[in-house]
Amino acid sequence: MKNWVRRHPYMALAFGYVIFFVFATAVWLVVSQRSLVDALISGFMYTLIYWLFAMFQLRNVRKTKRRLDEHGQFKAFIRYPESRAGSLSEIWNQGVATPDAGSIRFQPAVYDSLEPSGRPTDLKVQRVLPDRRKIIGKERKYLPAFGYLAVTLLTDGGKVELAASPDALDKLTEVVASGPA
């Protein structure tokens, strides 16, 4: 189901709209003392507003992705698992990753538009471990994006975990591996 939704986001959105419309209309009929026509109109108006918000959000996500792709960048999350206990070792930091031969520049960012926040970090990557894993359980709490996989990077400063989409991880492995080892 997830793969179908990723391949057909607009159809999934339309299907969700229909289900939401039926549910909203049923709620209006049960809760209020309105006629069927009033309930249908109310259900249509509320679900139309929901649908418009969802369409704008989907459009903004695609626009941001296109902007990043033009510059060879991608949305990523990093964390430092070997840092001291009590630090932010379990928190995934959202940002924009720019892979280069043998290194990655990570610019922390906020919001869905990925507005820069703070100074970028340059990581000299010695090796990208081939194991990819799903982020589940307690780790998932700090990662707002679904469908991301995590890889471990061995850098000159220690281990760094980077989470991104599978396509972005393919690109990362290819670009970083092409540089000095």
C-alpha atoms as a PDB file:
ATOM      1  CA  MET A   1       0.000   0.000   0.000  1.00  0.00           C
ATOM      2  CA  LYS A   2       2.829   2.411   0.893  1.00  0.00           C
ATOM      3  CA  ASN A   3       4.481   1.888  -2.475  1.00  0.00           C
ATOM      4  CA  TRP A   4       1.217   2.552  -4.308  1.00  0.00           C
ATOM      5  CA  VAL A   5       0.689   5.784  -2.344  1.00  0.00           C
ATOM      6  CA  ARG A   6       4.252   6.918  -3.172  1.00  0.00           C
ATOM      7  CA  ARG A   7       3.755   6.213  -6.875  1.00  0.00           C
ATOM      8  CA  HIS A   8       0.276   7.791  -7.039  1.00  0.00           C
ATOM      9  CA  PRO A   9       0.135  10.582  -4.437  1.00  0.00           C
ATOM     10  CA  TYR A  10      -2.702  12.489  -6.112  1.00  0.00           C
ATOM     11  CA  MET A  11      -4.882   9.389  -6.472  1.00  0.00           C
ATOM     12  CA  ALA A  12      -4.232   8.530  -2.825  1.00  0.00           C
ATOM     13  CA  LEU A  13      -5.186  12.070  -1.877  1.00  0.00           C
ATOM     14  CA  ALA A  14      -8.429  11.796  -3.892  1.00  0.00           C
ATOM     15  CA  PHE A  15      -9.222   8.441  -2.290  1.00  0.00           C
ATOM     16  CA  GLY A  16      -8.588   9.912   1.155  1.00  0.00           C
ATOM     17  CA  TYR A  17     -10.831  12.842   0.264  1.00  0.00           C
ATOM     18  CA  VAL A  18     -13.720  10.532  -0.646  1.00  0.00           C
ATOM     19  CA  ILE A  19     -13.350   8.547   2.576  1.00  0.00           C
ATOM     20  CA  PHE A  20     -13.112  11.748   4.622  1.00  0.00           C
ATOM     21  CA  PHE A  21     -16.181  13.168   2.826  1.00  0.00           C
ATOM     22  CA  VAL A  22     -18.283  10.094   3.592  1.00  0.00           C
ATOM     23  CA  PHE A  23     -17.150  10.125   7.232  1.00  0.00           C
ATOM     24  CA  ALA A  24     -17.746  13.884   7.653  1.00  0.00           C
ATOM     25  CA  THR A  25     -21.211  13.638   6.090  1.00  0.00           C
ATOM     26  CA  ALA A  26     -22.121  10.717   8.344  1.00  0.00           C
ATOM     27  CA  VAL A  27     -20.970  12.672  11.403  1.00  0.00           C
ATOM     28  CA  TRP A  28     -23.034  15.703  10.353  1.00  0.00           C
ATOM     29  CA  LEU A  29     -26.100  13.486   9.937  1.00  0.00           C
ATOM     30  CA  VAL A  30     -25.684  11.762  13.317  1.00  0.00           C
ATOM     31  CA  VAL A  31     -24.621  14.727  15.450  1.00  0.00           C
ATOM     32  CA  SER A  32     -26.784  17.517  14.092  1.00  0.00           C
ATOM     33  CA  GLN A  33     -30.471  17.722  13.381  1.00  0.00           C
ATOM     34  CA  ARG A  34     -29.867  18.749   9.772  1.00  0.00           C
ATOM     35  CA  SER A  35     -31.410  17.415   6.641  1.00  0.00           C
ATOM     36  CA  LEU A  36     -29.464  15.174   4.269  1.00  0.00           C
ATOM     37  CA  VAL A  37     -28.807  18.084   1.886  1.00  0.00           C
ATOM     38  CA  ASP A  38     -27.397  20.291   4.680  1.00  0.00           C
ATOM     39  CA  ALA A  39     -25.189  17.447   5.885  1.00  0.00           C
ATOM     40  CA  LEU A  40     -23.907  16.818   2.340  1.00  0.00           C
ATOM     41  CA  ILE A  41     -23.119  20.503   1.829  1.00  0.00           C
ATOM     42  CA  SER A  42     -21.358  20.793   5.200  1.00  0.00           C
ATOM     43  CA  GLY A  43     -19.418  17.593   4.558  1.00  0.00           C
ATOM     44  CA  PHE A  44     -18.405  18.831   1.111  1.00  0.00           C
ATOM     45  CA  MET A  45     -17.251  22.230   2.374  1.00  0.00           C
ATOM     46  CA  TYR A  46     -15.177  20.849   5.257  1.00  0.00           C
ATOM     47  CA  THR A  47     -13.581  18.129   3.164  1.00  0.00           C
ATOM     48  CA  LEU A  48     -12.864  20.609   0.375  1.00  0.00           C
ATOM     49  CA  ILE A  49     -10.939  22.771   2.843  1.00  0.00           C
ATOM     50  CA  TYR A  50      -9.023  19.671   4.026  1.00  0.00           C
ATOM     51  CA  TRP A  51      -8.253  18.689   0.436  1.00  0.00           C
ATOM     52  CA  LEU A  52      -6.958  22.161  -0.439  1.00  0.00           C
ATOM     53  CA  PHE A  53      -4.626  22.196   2.586  1.00  0.00           C
ATOM     54  CA  ALA A  54      -3.321  18.757   1.631  1.00  0.00           C
ATOM     55  CA  MET A  55      -2.759  19.806  -1.999  1.00  0.00           C
ATOM     56  CA  PHE A  56      -0.786  22.895  -0.968  1.00  0.00           C
ATOM     57  CA  GLN A  57       1.338  20.824   1.420  1.00  0.00           C
ATOM     58  CA  LEU A  58       2.068  18.224  -1.272  1.00  0.00           C
ATOM     59  CA  ARG A  59       2.955  20.958  -3.756  1.00  0.00           C
ATOM     60  CA  ASN A  60       5.346  22.628  -1.293  1.00  0.00           C
ATOM     61  CA  VAL A  61       7.092  19.328  -0.509  1.00  0.00           C
ATOM     62  CA  ARG A  62       7.617  18.622  -4.221  1.00  0.00           C
ATOM     63  CA  LYS A  63       8.826  22.176  -4.873  1.00  0.00           C
ATOM     64  CA  THR A  64      11.375  21.917  -2.058  1.00  0.00           C
ATOM     65  CA  LYS A  65      12.563  18.536  -3.341  1.00  0.00           C
ATOM     66  CA  ARG A  66      12.970  19.911  -6.864  1.00  0.00           C
ATOM     67  CA  ARG A  67      14.941  22.896  -5.522  1.00  0.00           C
ATOM     68  CA  LEU A  68      17.276  20.596  -3.597  1.00  0.00           C
ATOM     69  CA  ASP A  69      17.720  18.232  -6.563  1.00  0.00           C
ATOM     70  CA  GLU A  70      18.818  21.141  -8.757  1.00  0.00           C
ATOM     71  CA  HIS A  71      21.725  21.796  -6.369  1.00  0.00           C
ATOM     72  CA  GLY A  72      22.636  18.129  -5.790  1.00  0.00           C
ATOM     73  CA  GLN A  73      21.268  18.243  -2.240  1.00  0.00           C
ATOM     74  CA  PHE A  74      18.687  16.265  -0.311  1.00  0.00           C
ATOM     75  CA  LYS A  75      16.735  16.433   2.937  1.00  0.00           C
ATOM     76  CA  ALA A  76      18.421  14.398   5.656  1.00  0.00           C
ATOM     77  CA  PHE A  77      18.551  13.842   9.394  1.00  0.00           C
ATOM     78  CA  ILE A  78      21.764  13.191  11.318  1.00  0.00           C
ATOM     79  CA  ARG A  79      22.686  12.215  14.829  1.00  0.00           C
ATOM     80  CA  TYR A  80      25.836  11.321  16.711  1.00  0.00           C
ATOM     81  CA  PRO A  81      25.221   7.963  18.439  1.00  0.00           C
ATOM     82  CA  GLU A  82      28.577   7.821  20.240  1.00  0.00           C
ATOM     83  CA  SER A  83      28.232  11.180  21.963  1.00  0.00           C
ATOM     84  CA  ARG A  84      28.049  11.425  25.753  1.00  0.00           C
ATOM     85  CA  ALA A  85      25.028  10.149  27.625  1.00  0.00           C
ATOM     86  CA  GLY A  86      22.577  12.925  28.359  1.00  0.00           C
ATOM     87  CA  SER A  87      23.498  14.834  25.213  1.00  0.00           C
ATOM     88  CA  LEU A  88      21.388  14.944  22.105  1.00  0.00           C
ATOM     89  CA  SER A  89      22.665  11.558  20.886  1.00  0.00           C
ATOM     90  CA  GLU A  90      19.120  10.270  20.337  1.00  0.00           C
ATOM     91  CA  ILE A  91      17.770  13.370  18.584  1.00  0.00           C
ATOM     92  CA  TRP A  92      17.687  13.459  14.785  1.00  0.00           C
ATOM     93  CA  ASN A  93      18.705  16.898  13.498  1.00  0.00           C
ATOM     94  CA  GLN A  94      16.886  17.906  10.309  1.00  0.00           C
ATOM     95  CA  GLY A  95      18.761  19.631   7.535  1.00  0.00           C
ATOM     96  CA  VAL A  96      20.091  19.663   4.010  1.00  0.00           C
ATOM     97  CA  ALA A  97      22.948  17.369   3.049  1.00  0.00           C
ATOM     98  CA  THR A  98      25.279  18.221   0.184  1.00  0.00           C
ATOM     99  CA  PRO A  99      27.451  15.222  -0.707  1.00  0.00           C
ATOM    100  CA  ASP A 100      30.842  15.738  -2.275  1.00  0.00           C
ATOM    101  CA  ALA A 101      33.786  13.475  -3.019  1.00  0.00           C
ATOM    102  CA  GLY A 102      34.831  12.139   0.382  1.00  0.00           C
ATOM    103  CA  SER A 103      32.751  14.570   2.418  1.00  0.00           C
ATOM    104  CA  ILE A 104      29.283  15.813   3.276  1.00  0.00           C
ATOM    105  CA  ARG A 105      28.208  19.312   4.200  1.00  0.00           C
ATOM    106  CA  PHE A 106      25.221  19.266   6.529  1.00  0.00           C
ATOM    107  CA  GLN A 107      23.262  22.481   6.971  1.00  0.00           C
ATOM    108  CA  PRO A 108      20.750  22.298   9.855  1.00  0.00           C
ATOM    109  CA  ALA A 109      17.341  23.515   8.766  1.00  0.00           C
ATOM    110  CA  VAL A 110      13.859  24.049  10.129  1.00  0.00           C
ATOM    111  CA  TYR A 111      10.320  23.869   8.761  1.00  0.00           C
ATOM    112  CA  ASP A 112       9.202  22.041   5.642  1.00  0.00           C
ATOM    113  CA  SER A 113      10.799  24.717   3.462  1.00  0.00           C
ATOM    114  CA  LEU A 114      14.166  23.807   5.035  1.00  0.00           C
ATOM    115  CA  GLU A 115      15.141  27.300   6.145  1.00  0.00           C
ATOM    116  CA  PRO A 116      18.799  27.240   7.296  1.00  0.00           C
ATOM    117  CA  SER A 117      19.419  27.463  11.028  1.00  0.00           C
ATOM    118  CA  GLY A 118      22.887  27.551  12.480  1.00  0.00           C
ATOM    119  CA  ARG A 119      26.262  26.878  10.910  1.00  0.00           C
ATOM    120  CA  PRO A 120      26.873  24.046   8.462  1.00  0.00           C
ATOM    121  CA  THR A 121      28.980  21.073   9.513  1.00  0.00           C
ATOM    122  CA  ASP A 122      31.545  19.539   7.170  1.00  0.00           C
ATOM    123  CA  LEU A 123      31.982  15.811   7.704  1.00  0.00           C
ATOM    124  CA  LYS A 124      34.986  14.059   6.159  1.00  0.00           C
ATOM    125  CA  VAL A 125      33.630  10.622   5.388  1.00  0.00           C
ATOM    126  CA  GLN A 126      36.087   7.756   5.487  1.00  0.00           C
ATOM    127  CA  ARG A 127      33.498   5.095   4.762  1.00  0.00           C
ATOM    128  CA  VAL A 128      29.764   4.607   4.311  1.00  0.00           C
ATOM    129  CA  LEU A 129      28.718   1.304   5.855  1.00  0.00           C
ATOM    130  CA  PRO A 130      26.529  -0.689   3.440  1.00  0.00           C
ATOM    131  CA  ASP A 131      23.911  -1.654   6.050  1.00  0.00           C
ATOM    132  CA  ARG A 132      20.661   0.276   5.770  1.00  0.00           C
ATOM    133  CA  ARG A 133      18.047  -0.005   8.448  1.00  0.00           C
ATOM    134  CA  LYS A 134      14.532   1.169   9.098  1.00  0.00           C
ATOM    135  CA  ILE A 135      14.041   3.632  11.889  1.00  0.00           C
ATOM    136  CA  ILE A 136      11.528   2.155  14.298  1.00  0.00           C
ATOM    137  CA  GLY A 137      10.393   2.319  17.886  1.00  0.00           C
ATOM    138  CA  LYS A 138      11.846   4.909  20.207  1.00  0.00           C
ATOM    139  CA  GLU A 139      14.094   6.381  17.496  1.00  0.00           C
ATOM    140  CA  ARG A 140      11.059   7.119  15.323  1.00  0.00           C
ATOM    141  CA  LYS A 141       9.796   9.693  17.814  1.00  0.00           C
ATOM    142  CA  TYR A 142      12.355  12.248  16.696  1.00  0.00           C
ATOM    143  CA  LEU A 143      12.145  11.615  12.951  1.00  0.00           C
ATOM    144  CA  PRO A 144       9.055  13.212  11.423  1.00  0.00           C
ATOM    145  CA  ALA A 145       9.542  11.798   7.906  1.00  0.00           C
ATOM    146  CA  PHE A 146       8.238   8.351   6.946  1.00  0.00           C
ATOM    147  CA  GLY A 147      10.013   5.940   4.628  1.00  0.00           C
ATOM    148  CA  TYR A 148      13.515   7.043   5.568  1.00  0.00           C
ATOM    149  CA  LEU A 149      16.369   4.615   6.088  1.00  0.00           C
ATOM    150  CA  ALA A 150      19.482   5.162   8.189  1.00  0.00           C
ATOM    151  CA  VAL A 151      23.119   4.455   7.321  1.00  0.00           C
ATOM    152  CA  THR A 152      26.216   4.767   9.441  1.00  0.00           C
ATOM    153  CA  LEU A 153      29.040   6.995   8.276  1.00  0.00           C
ATOM    154  CA  LEU A 154      32.537   6.574   9.625  1.00  0.00           C
ATOM    155  CA  THR A 155      34.024  10.054   9.773  1.00  0.00           C
ATOM    156  CA  ASP A 156      37.253  11.484  11.110  1.00  0.00           C
ATOM    157  CA  GLY A 157      35.310  12.538  14.224  1.00  0.00           C
ATOM    158  CA  GLY A 158      33.589   9.186  14.875  1.00  0.00           C
ATOM    159  CA  LYS A 159      30.344   7.541  13.862  1.00  0.00           C
ATOM    160  CA  VAL A 160      27.495   9.569  12.443  1.00  0.00           C
ATOM    161  CA  GLU A 161      24.087   8.188  11.519  1.00  0.00           C
ATOM    162  CA  LEU A 162      22.337   9.756   8.556  1.00  0.00           C
ATOM    163  CA  ALA A 163      18.693   9.116   7.666  1.00  0.00           C
ATOM    164  CA  ALA A 164      17.280   9.955   4.246  1.00  0.00           C
ATOM    165  CA  SER A 165      15.128   8.511   1.483  1.00  0.00           C
ATOM    166  CA  PRO A 166      16.486   5.387  -0.240  1.00  0.00           C
ATOM    167  CA  ASP A 167      17.154   7.349  -3.453  1.00  0.00           C
ATOM    168  CA  ALA A 168      19.119   9.987  -1.557  1.00  0.00           C
ATOM    169  CA  LEU A 169      21.171   7.301   0.176  1.00  0.00           C
ATOM    170  CA  ASP A 170      22.031   5.766  -3.208  1.00  0.00           C
ATOM    171  CA  LYS A 171      23.178   9.172  -4.420  1.00  0.00           C
ATOM    172  CA  LEU A 172      25.131   9.770  -1.197  1.00  0.00           C
ATOM    173  CA  THR A 173      26.964   6.447  -1.423  1.00  0.00           C
ATOM    174  CA  GLU A 174      27.839   7.018  -5.071  1.00  0.00           C
ATOM    175  CA  VAL A 175      29.120  10.590  -4.663  1.00  0.00           C
ATOM    176  CA  VAL A 176      30.991  10.138  -1.374  1.00  0.00           C
ATOM    177  CA  ALA A 177      32.629   6.886  -2.519  1.00  0.00           C
ATOM    178  CA  SER A 178      33.994   8.615  -5.648  1.00  0.00           C
ATOM    179  CA  GLY A 179      36.296  10.815  -3.579  1.00  0.00           C
ATOM    180  CA  PRO A 180      39.465  10.346  -1.601  1.00  0.00           C
ATOM    181  CA  ALA A 181      39.335   7.440   0.812  1.00  0.00           C
END
